[in-house]
Amino acid sequence: MKVLKPHWVSHNDLPIYSIDIHPDGTRFATGGQGEDSGRVVIWNMAPVADEAVEMDEKVPKMLCQLDNHLACVNCVRWSYSGKFLASGGDDKMVMVWVISKCPGGGTVFGSKGVVNVESWRCVSTLKRHDGDVLDIA
């Protein structure tokens, strides 16, 4: 299988270490390095699946950027139902995210104007791992 990464899937040219596709195929998440922290980005899958949609400037590509990890994010995984997204990283934490019922998004704190289309919130933080979190099952 050959996989091509769209040029717009980026963490501002910083490393991406993990990708996972939502069970319903409508979005995907990436995890890696951010400017000053770990970064999770939730992306719209439609522009990846359809070139005409990719060219449509009205269709958002990035849905949400989450810069809450204190260090690099090594792993992102959707739950089987797709309701939850878990992220784990070098900060020895696993964060569990759900989409917020609040409409619209907002500006990402400390992000120089990145605006979220969706709002996601952390509902659980699992701390005190002995080492970096490298994978989540």
Protein backbone atom coordinates (compact mmCIF):
# COMPACT_ATOMS: atom_id res chain seq x y z
CA MET A 1 0.00 0.00 0.00
CA LYS A 2 1.26 3.49 -0.83
CA VAL A 3 0.28 6.34 1.46
CA LEU A 4 0.72 9.98 0.51
CA LYS A 5 0.53 12.67 3.18
CA PRO A 6 -1.34 15.80 2.10
CA HIS A 7 0.92 18.86 2.33
CA TRP A 8 -1.49 20.57 4.72
CA VAL A 9 -1.25 17.81 7.36
CA SER A 10 1.47 19.34 9.50
CA HIS A 11 2.42 20.31 13.02
CA ASN A 12 4.15 23.46 11.70
CA ASP A 13 6.93 21.31 10.19
CA LEU A 14 7.58 19.59 13.53
CA PRO A 15 7.51 15.77 13.86
CA ILE A 16 4.27 13.76 13.76
CA TYR A 17 4.68 10.40 15.52
CA SER A 18 1.18 8.93 15.46
CA ILE A 19 -1.98 8.92 13.37
CA ASP A 20 -5.32 7.19 13.92
CA ILE A 21 -8.48 7.27 11.82
CA HIS A 22 -11.86 7.70 13.53
CA PRO A 23 -14.02 4.53 13.33
CA ASP A 24 -16.63 6.27 11.16
CA GLY A 25 -13.96 7.56 8.76
CA THR A 26 -14.95 11.23 9.03
CA ARG A 27 -11.84 12.49 10.82
CA PHE A 28 -8.36 11.47 11.88
CA ALA A 29 -6.01 12.52 14.65
CA THR A 30 -2.27 13.13 14.65
CA GLY A 31 0.05 13.34 17.61
CA GLY A 32 3.55 14.73 17.82
CA GLN A 33 5.56 17.79 18.69
CA GLY A 34 4.11 21.28 19.03
CA GLU A 35 5.79 24.66 19.36
CA ASP A 36 6.36 24.48 23.14
CA SER A 37 4.52 21.30 24.07
CA GLY A 38 3.06 18.10 22.73
CA ARG A 39 0.36 18.51 20.10
CA VAL A 40 -2.76 16.60 19.08
CA VAL A 41 -4.56 17.72 15.93
CA ILE A 42 -7.94 16.47 14.76
CA TRP A 43 -8.37 16.66 10.98
CA ASN A 44 -11.28 16.41 8.56
CA MET A 45 -11.01 13.23 6.44
CA ALA A 46 -13.18 14.54 3.56
CA PRO A 47 -10.36 16.57 1.94
CA VAL A 48 -8.12 13.48 2.03
CA ALA A 49 -10.74 11.25 0.41
CA ASP A 50 -11.91 13.64 -2.33
CA GLU A 51 -9.66 15.96 -4.33
CA ALA A 52 -12.56 18.29 -5.20
CA VAL A 53 -13.30 18.74 -1.49
CA GLU A 54 -9.60 19.33 -0.83
CA MET A 55 -9.62 22.23 -3.30
CA ASP A 56 -12.74 23.81 -1.74
CA GLU A 57 -11.47 26.59 0.56
CA LYS A 58 -14.78 26.59 2.47
CA VAL A 59 -14.22 23.05 3.75
CA PRO A 60 -12.09 23.08 6.92
CA LYS A 61 -9.12 20.75 6.97
CA MET A 62 -8.00 21.16 10.59
CA LEU A 63 -10.88 20.71 13.04
CA CYS A 64 -9.11 21.16 16.37
CA GLN A 65 -5.61 21.64 17.78
CA LEU A 66 -4.92 20.53 21.36
CA ASP A 67 -1.67 21.74 22.92
CA ASN A 68 -2.27 20.46 26.46
CA HIS A 69 0.50 17.86 26.79
CA LEU A 70 3.65 19.10 28.52
CA ALA A 71 5.95 17.14 26.19
CA CYS A 72 5.87 15.35 22.85
CA VAL A 73 2.79 13.20 22.05
CA ASN A 74 3.82 9.68 20.97
CA CYS A 75 0.43 8.08 20.46
CA VAL A 76 -3.18 8.95 19.60
CA ARG A 77 -5.97 6.34 19.56
CA TRP A 78 -9.74 6.55 19.04
CA SER A 79 -11.98 4.37 21.18
CA TYR A 80 -13.90 1.62 19.39
CA SER A 81 -17.09 3.71 19.53
CA GLY A 82 -15.27 6.86 18.40
CA LYS A 83 -16.62 8.82 21.36
CA PHE A 84 -13.19 9.17 23.01
CA LEU A 85 -9.72 10.06 21.80
CA ALA A 86 -6.75 9.13 23.97
CA SER A 87 -3.30 10.68 23.68
CA GLY A 88 -0.11 9.71 25.47
CA GLY A 89 3.37 11.14 25.49
CA ASP A 90 6.74 11.93 26.97
CA ASP A 91 5.07 13.79 29.85
CA LYS A 92 4.14 10.34 31.24
CA MET A 93 0.42 11.10 30.93
CA VAL A 94 -2.55 9.77 29.01
CA MET A 95 -5.25 12.34 28.30
CA VAL A 96 -8.76 11.29 27.28
CA TRP A 97 -10.72 13.72 25.10
CA VAL A 98 -14.37 14.10 24.08
CA ILE A 99 -15.99 16.53 21.70
CA SER A 100 -17.66 19.35 23.60
CA LYS A 101 -21.35 20.04 23.14
CA CYS A 102 -20.57 23.76 22.91
CA PRO A 103 -21.02 24.94 19.32
CA GLY A 104 -18.02 26.13 17.36
CA GLY A 105 -14.47 26.27 18.49
CA GLY A 106 -12.18 28.99 19.68
CA THR A 107 -8.66 30.25 19.42
CA VAL A 108 -6.01 27.83 20.62
CA PHE A 109 -4.23 29.27 23.67
CA GLY A 110 -0.73 30.37 22.70
CA SER A 111 -1.16 29.43 19.05
CA LYS A 112 -0.78 32.69 17.12
CA GLY A 113 -4.34 32.73 15.83
CA VAL A 114 -5.20 29.07 15.12
CA VAL A 115 -8.99 28.82 15.27
CA ASN A 116 -10.69 25.52 16.09
CA VAL A 117 -13.77 24.41 14.17
CA GLU A 118 -14.67 21.87 16.88
CA SER A 119 -14.28 22.10 20.65
CA TRP A 120 -12.72 19.15 22.45
CA ARG A 121 -12.15 18.87 26.18
CA CYS A 122 -10.04 16.63 28.36
CA VAL A 123 -12.28 14.49 30.57
CA SER A 124 -9.56 12.42 32.23
CA THR A 125 -5.82 12.62 32.79
CA LEU A 126 -4.01 9.43 33.78
CA LYS A 127 -0.74 10.40 35.48
CA ARG A 128 2.12 8.68 37.27
CA HIS A 129 3.29 6.35 34.53
CA ASP A 130 6.85 5.24 35.24
CA GLY A 131 8.05 6.20 31.77
CA ASP A 132 7.05 7.83 28.52
CA VAL A 133 3.73 6.61 27.12
CA LEU A 134 4.62 5.02 23.79
CA ASP A 135 1.36 3.28 22.85
CA ILE A 136 -2.27 2.95 23.92
CA ALA A 137 -4.51 -0.07 23.36
